Amino acid sequence: MSTSTPPAAQRAAASTSSSGSGWILFAGLVTIVAGAYNALTGLSTITSDYGAIERAHDVLFSINVDTWAWFWLIVGVTQLVTGGLVLARNLWGLFFAVCGAVLSATVAVFAIFAWPVWAFSVLTLDLLIMYGLLTHRDSFD
């Protein structure tokens, strides 16, 4: 006699092990795309030399444009690493991704009257990332 697991139990075990993997994949990929965008934006601003970028100095409340660009380059690289950690189901990735989504959503709320389409788009993505990661946090080790 063999002691094998009944098919229903095998299906239940398989469904719980892959539960939420679509949400986690979504959160990881959106974090990577956002990181790539922010890193490339920062890098292009650092390497560009034309007048339109220098006029942004007034919009940034007199913050140096190069400092602003380095900030976004660092944020972008951090987001890229975080997205990789999320895809690897690392607990630190979960922590950094949720904190990043909360911070991003907060900034989007403050920008809602200046750039409503952008703000609602970012806010929606941030809320979906938080939902996907927090409802499936048991998938992280």
C-alpha atoms as a PDB file:
ATOM      1  CA  MET A   1       0.000   0.000   0.000  1.00  0.00           C
ATOM      2  CA  SER A   2       1.270   3.405  -0.823  1.00  0.00           C
ATOM      3  CA  THR A   3       0.479   6.436   1.219  1.00  0.00           C
ATOM      4  CA  SER A   4      -0.186   9.135  -1.294  1.00  0.00           C
ATOM      5  CA  THR A   5      -1.861  12.450  -0.844  1.00  0.00           C
ATOM      6  CA  PRO A   6      -5.398  12.630  -2.253  1.00  0.00           C
ATOM      7  CA  PRO A   7      -5.721  14.735  -5.450  1.00  0.00           C
ATOM      8  CA  ALA A   8      -7.906  17.344  -3.720  1.00  0.00           C
ATOM      9  CA  ALA A   9      -5.245  17.918  -1.072  1.00  0.00           C
ATOM     10  CA  GLN A  10      -2.564  18.228  -3.766  1.00  0.00           C
ATOM     11  CA  ARG A  11      -4.609  20.865  -5.603  1.00  0.00           C
ATOM     12  CA  ALA A  12      -5.186  22.785  -2.364  1.00  0.00           C
ATOM     13  CA  ALA A  13      -1.477  22.729  -1.523  1.00  0.00           C
ATOM     14  CA  ALA A  14      -0.561  23.876  -5.026  1.00  0.00           C
ATOM     15  CA  SER A  15      -3.077  26.707  -4.987  1.00  0.00           C
ATOM     16  CA  THR A  16      -1.870  28.050  -1.639  1.00  0.00           C
ATOM     17  CA  SER A  17       1.786  27.945  -2.694  1.00  0.00           C
ATOM     18  CA  SER A  18       1.091  29.969  -5.849  1.00  0.00           C
ATOM     19  CA  SER A  19      -1.542  32.155  -4.236  1.00  0.00           C
ATOM     20  CA  GLY A  20      -0.931  35.788  -4.974  1.00  0.00           C
ATOM     21  CA  SER A  21       1.984  35.196  -7.301  1.00  0.00           C
ATOM     22  CA  GLY A  22       0.298  37.351  -9.964  1.00  0.00           C
ATOM     23  CA  TRP A  23      -0.037  40.256  -7.542  1.00  0.00           C
ATOM     24  CA  ILE A  24       3.534  39.884  -6.379  1.00  0.00           C
ATOM     25  CA  LEU A  25       4.762  39.742  -9.980  1.00  0.00           C
ATOM     26  CA  PHE A  26       2.705  42.868 -10.755  1.00  0.00           C
ATOM     27  CA  ALA A  27       4.118  44.750  -7.759  1.00  0.00           C
ATOM     28  CA  GLY A  28       7.684  43.742  -8.565  1.00  0.00           C
ATOM     29  CA  LEU A  29       7.426  44.682 -12.229  1.00  0.00           C
ATOM     30  CA  VAL A  30       5.727  48.035 -11.585  1.00  0.00           C
ATOM     31  CA  THR A  31       8.455  48.848  -9.049  1.00  0.00           C
ATOM     32  CA  ILE A  32      11.143  47.942 -11.602  1.00  0.00           C
ATOM     33  CA  VAL A  33       9.498  50.030 -14.347  1.00  0.00           C
ATOM     34  CA  ALA A  34       9.163  53.015 -12.000  1.00  0.00           C
ATOM     35  CA  GLY A  35      12.783  52.579 -10.940  1.00  0.00           C
ATOM     36  CA  ALA A  36      13.999  52.444 -14.537  1.00  0.00           C
ATOM     37  CA  TYR A  37      12.014  55.569 -15.393  1.00  0.00           C
ATOM     38  CA  ASN A  38      13.284  57.505 -12.376  1.00  0.00           C
ATOM     39  CA  ALA A  39      16.888  56.383 -12.868  1.00  0.00           C
ATOM     40  CA  LEU A  40      16.857  57.296 -16.566  1.00  0.00           C
ATOM     41  CA  THR A  41      15.205  60.639 -15.825  1.00  0.00           C
ATOM     42  CA  GLY A  42      17.872  61.454 -13.255  1.00  0.00           C
ATOM     43  CA  LEU A  43      20.680  60.267 -15.498  1.00  0.00           C
ATOM     44  CA  SER A  44      19.444  62.215 -18.516  1.00  0.00           C
ATOM     45  CA  THR A  45      19.130  65.372 -16.426  1.00  0.00           C
ATOM     46  CA  ILE A  46      22.680  64.959 -15.110  1.00  0.00           C
ATOM     47  CA  THR A  47      24.140  64.438 -18.579  1.00  0.00           C
ATOM     48  CA  SER A  48      22.033  67.029 -20.436  1.00  0.00           C
ATOM     49  CA  ASP A  49      23.272  70.521 -21.068  1.00  0.00           C
ATOM     50  CA  TYR A  50      20.513  72.743 -22.356  1.00  0.00           C
ATOM     51  CA  GLY A  51      18.592  75.772 -21.145  1.00  0.00           C
ATOM     52  CA  ALA A  52      15.232  74.161 -20.433  1.00  0.00           C
ATOM     53  CA  ILE A  53      16.732  72.166 -17.588  1.00  0.00           C
ATOM     54  CA  GLU A  54      18.287  75.260 -16.047  1.00  0.00           C
ATOM     55  CA  ARG A  55      14.897  77.031 -16.100  1.00  0.00           C
ATOM     56  CA  ALA A  56      13.555  74.204 -13.908  1.00  0.00           C
ATOM     57  CA  HIS A  57      15.597  75.746 -11.095  1.00  0.00           C
ATOM     58  CA  ASP A  58      12.751  78.205 -10.442  1.00  0.00           C
ATOM     59  CA  VAL A  59      10.131  75.439 -10.325  1.00  0.00           C
ATOM     60  CA  LEU A  60      12.209  73.449  -7.827  1.00  0.00           C
ATOM     61  CA  PHE A  61      12.162  76.283  -5.282  1.00  0.00           C
ATOM     62  CA  SER A  62      15.820  77.108  -5.968  1.00  0.00           C
ATOM     63  CA  ILE A  63      17.030  73.541  -5.455  1.00  0.00           C
ATOM     64  CA  ASN A  64      20.052  72.811  -7.612  1.00  0.00           C
ATOM     65  CA  VAL A  65      18.936  70.843 -10.692  1.00  0.00           C
ATOM     66  CA  ASP A  66      21.969  68.534 -10.464  1.00  0.00           C
ATOM     67  CA  THR A  67      21.105  67.702  -6.858  1.00  0.00           C
ATOM     68  CA  TRP A  68      17.531  66.977  -7.890  1.00  0.00           C
ATOM     69  CA  ALA A  69      18.769  64.727 -10.711  1.00  0.00           C
ATOM     70  CA  TRP A  70      21.113  62.777  -8.415  1.00  0.00           C
ATOM     71  CA  PHE A  71      18.259  62.331  -5.958  1.00  0.00           C
ATOM     72  CA  TRP A  72      16.056  60.743  -8.653  1.00  0.00           C
ATOM     73  CA  LEU A  73      18.908  58.603  -9.920  1.00  0.00           C
ATOM     74  CA  ILE A  74      19.412  57.186  -6.417  1.00  0.00           C
ATOM     75  CA  VAL A  75      15.655  56.710  -5.934  1.00  0.00           C
ATOM     76  CA  GLY A  76      15.467  54.896  -9.270  1.00  0.00           C
ATOM     77  CA  VAL A  77      18.324  52.535  -8.474  1.00  0.00           C
ATOM     78  CA  THR A  78      16.765  51.834  -5.074  1.00  0.00           C
ATOM     79  CA  GLN A  79      13.460  51.033  -6.764  1.00  0.00           C
ATOM     80  CA  LEU A  80      15.192  48.689  -9.218  1.00  0.00           C
ATOM     81  CA  VAL A  81      16.815  46.770  -6.368  1.00  0.00           C
ATOM     82  CA  THR A  82      13.533  46.733  -4.429  1.00  0.00           C
ATOM     83  CA  GLY A  83      11.652  45.348  -7.431  1.00  0.00           C
ATOM     84  CA  GLY A  84      14.211  42.564  -7.738  1.00  0.00           C
ATOM     85  CA  LEU A  85      13.866  41.752  -4.051  1.00  0.00           C
ATOM     86  CA  VAL A  86      10.069  41.631  -4.400  1.00  0.00           C
ATOM     87  CA  LEU A  87      10.336  39.222  -7.330  1.00  0.00           C
ATOM     88  CA  ALA A  88      12.698  37.077  -5.229  1.00  0.00           C
ATOM     89  CA  ARG A  89      10.096  37.118  -2.417  1.00  0.00           C
ATOM     90  CA  ASN A  90      12.586  38.704  -0.017  1.00  0.00           C
ATOM     91  CA  LEU A  91      11.100  40.193   3.161  1.00  0.00           C
ATOM     92  CA  TRP A  92      13.231  43.347   2.817  1.00  0.00           C
ATOM     93  CA  GLY A  93      11.784  43.822  -0.661  1.00  0.00           C
ATOM     94  CA  LEU A  94       8.289  43.684   0.813  1.00  0.00           C
ATOM     95  CA  PHE A  95       9.225  46.272   3.433  1.00  0.00           C
ATOM     96  CA  PHE A  96      10.902  48.706   1.000  1.00  0.00           C
ATOM     97  CA  ALA A  97       8.194  48.314  -1.657  1.00  0.00           C
ATOM     98  CA  VAL A  98       5.352  49.020   0.768  1.00  0.00           C
ATOM     99  CA  CYS A  99       7.207  51.994   2.287  1.00  0.00           C
ATOM    100  CA  GLY A 100       7.971  53.327  -1.206  1.00  0.00           C
ATOM    101  CA  ALA A 101       4.344  52.925  -2.300  1.00  0.00           C
ATOM    102  CA  VAL A 102       3.092  54.718   0.821  1.00  0.00           C
ATOM    103  CA  LEU A 103       5.523  57.596   0.269  1.00  0.00           C
ATOM    104  CA  SER A 104       4.654  57.790  -3.430  1.00  0.00           C
ATOM    105  CA  ALA A 105       0.912  57.760  -2.704  1.00  0.00           C
ATOM    106  CA  THR A 106       1.352  60.565  -0.175  1.00  0.00           C
ATOM    107  CA  VAL A 107       3.195  62.711  -2.721  1.00  0.00           C
ATOM    108  CA  ALA A 108       0.509  61.936  -5.319  1.00  0.00           C
ATOM    109  CA  VAL A 109      -2.219  63.158  -2.967  1.00  0.00           C
ATOM    110  CA  PHE A 110      -0.436  66.481  -2.541  1.00  0.00           C
ATOM    111  CA  ALA A 111       0.031  66.810  -6.325  1.00  0.00           C
ATOM    112  CA  ILE A 112      -3.562  65.958  -7.211  1.00  0.00           C
ATOM    113  CA  PHE A 113      -4.635  69.523  -8.002  1.00  0.00           C
ATOM    114  CA  ALA A 114      -1.545  70.409 -10.013  1.00  0.00           C
ATOM    115  CA  TRP A 115      -1.309  67.202 -12.101  1.00  0.00           C
ATOM    116  CA  PRO A 116      -4.580  65.268 -11.632  1.00  0.00           C
ATOM    117  CA  VAL A 117      -4.121  62.594 -14.321  1.00  0.00           C
ATOM    118  CA  TRP A 118      -0.584  61.792 -13.207  1.00  0.00           C
ATOM    119  CA  ALA A 119      -1.565  61.851  -9.537  1.00  0.00           C
ATOM    120  CA  PHE A 120      -4.558  59.526  -9.947  1.00  0.00           C
ATOM    121  CA  SER A 121      -2.510  57.141 -12.101  1.00  0.00           C
ATOM    122  CA  VAL A 122       0.320  56.956  -9.574  1.00  0.00           C
ATOM    123  CA  LEU A 123      -2.089  56.709  -6.661  1.00  0.00           C
ATOM    124  CA  THR A 124      -3.912  53.799  -8.328  1.00  0.00           C
ATOM    125  CA  LEU A 125      -0.677  51.920  -9.005  1.00  0.00           C
ATOM    126  CA  ASP A 126       0.560  52.539  -5.451  1.00  0.00           C
ATOM    127  CA  LEU A 127      -2.668  51.258  -3.925  1.00  0.00           C
ATOM    128  CA  LEU A 128      -2.578  48.151  -6.131  1.00  0.00           C
ATOM    129  CA  ILE A 129       1.041  47.499  -5.125  1.00  0.00           C
ATOM    130  CA  MET A 130       0.177  47.851  -1.444  1.00  0.00           C
ATOM    131  CA  TYR A 131      -2.852  45.581  -1.827  1.00  0.00           C
ATOM    132  CA  GLY A 132      -0.921  42.928  -3.721  1.00  0.00           C
ATOM    133  CA  LEU A 133       1.978  42.841  -1.310  1.00  0.00           C
ATOM    134  CA  LEU A 134       0.123  43.180   1.976  1.00  0.00           C
ATOM    135  CA  THR A 135      -2.570  40.635   1.209  1.00  0.00           C
ATOM    136  CA  HIS A 136       0.049  38.078   0.126  1.00  0.00           C
ATOM    137  CA  ARG A 137       2.805  38.862   2.598  1.00  0.00           C
ATOM    138  CA  ASP A 138       2.889  35.239   3.778  1.00  0.00           C
ATOM    139  CA  SER A 139       4.608  34.423   0.444  1.00  0.00           C
ATOM    140  CA  PHE A 140       7.734  36.280   1.587  1.00  0.00           C
ATOM    141  CA  ASP A 141      10.476  34.741   3.732  1.00  0.00           C
END
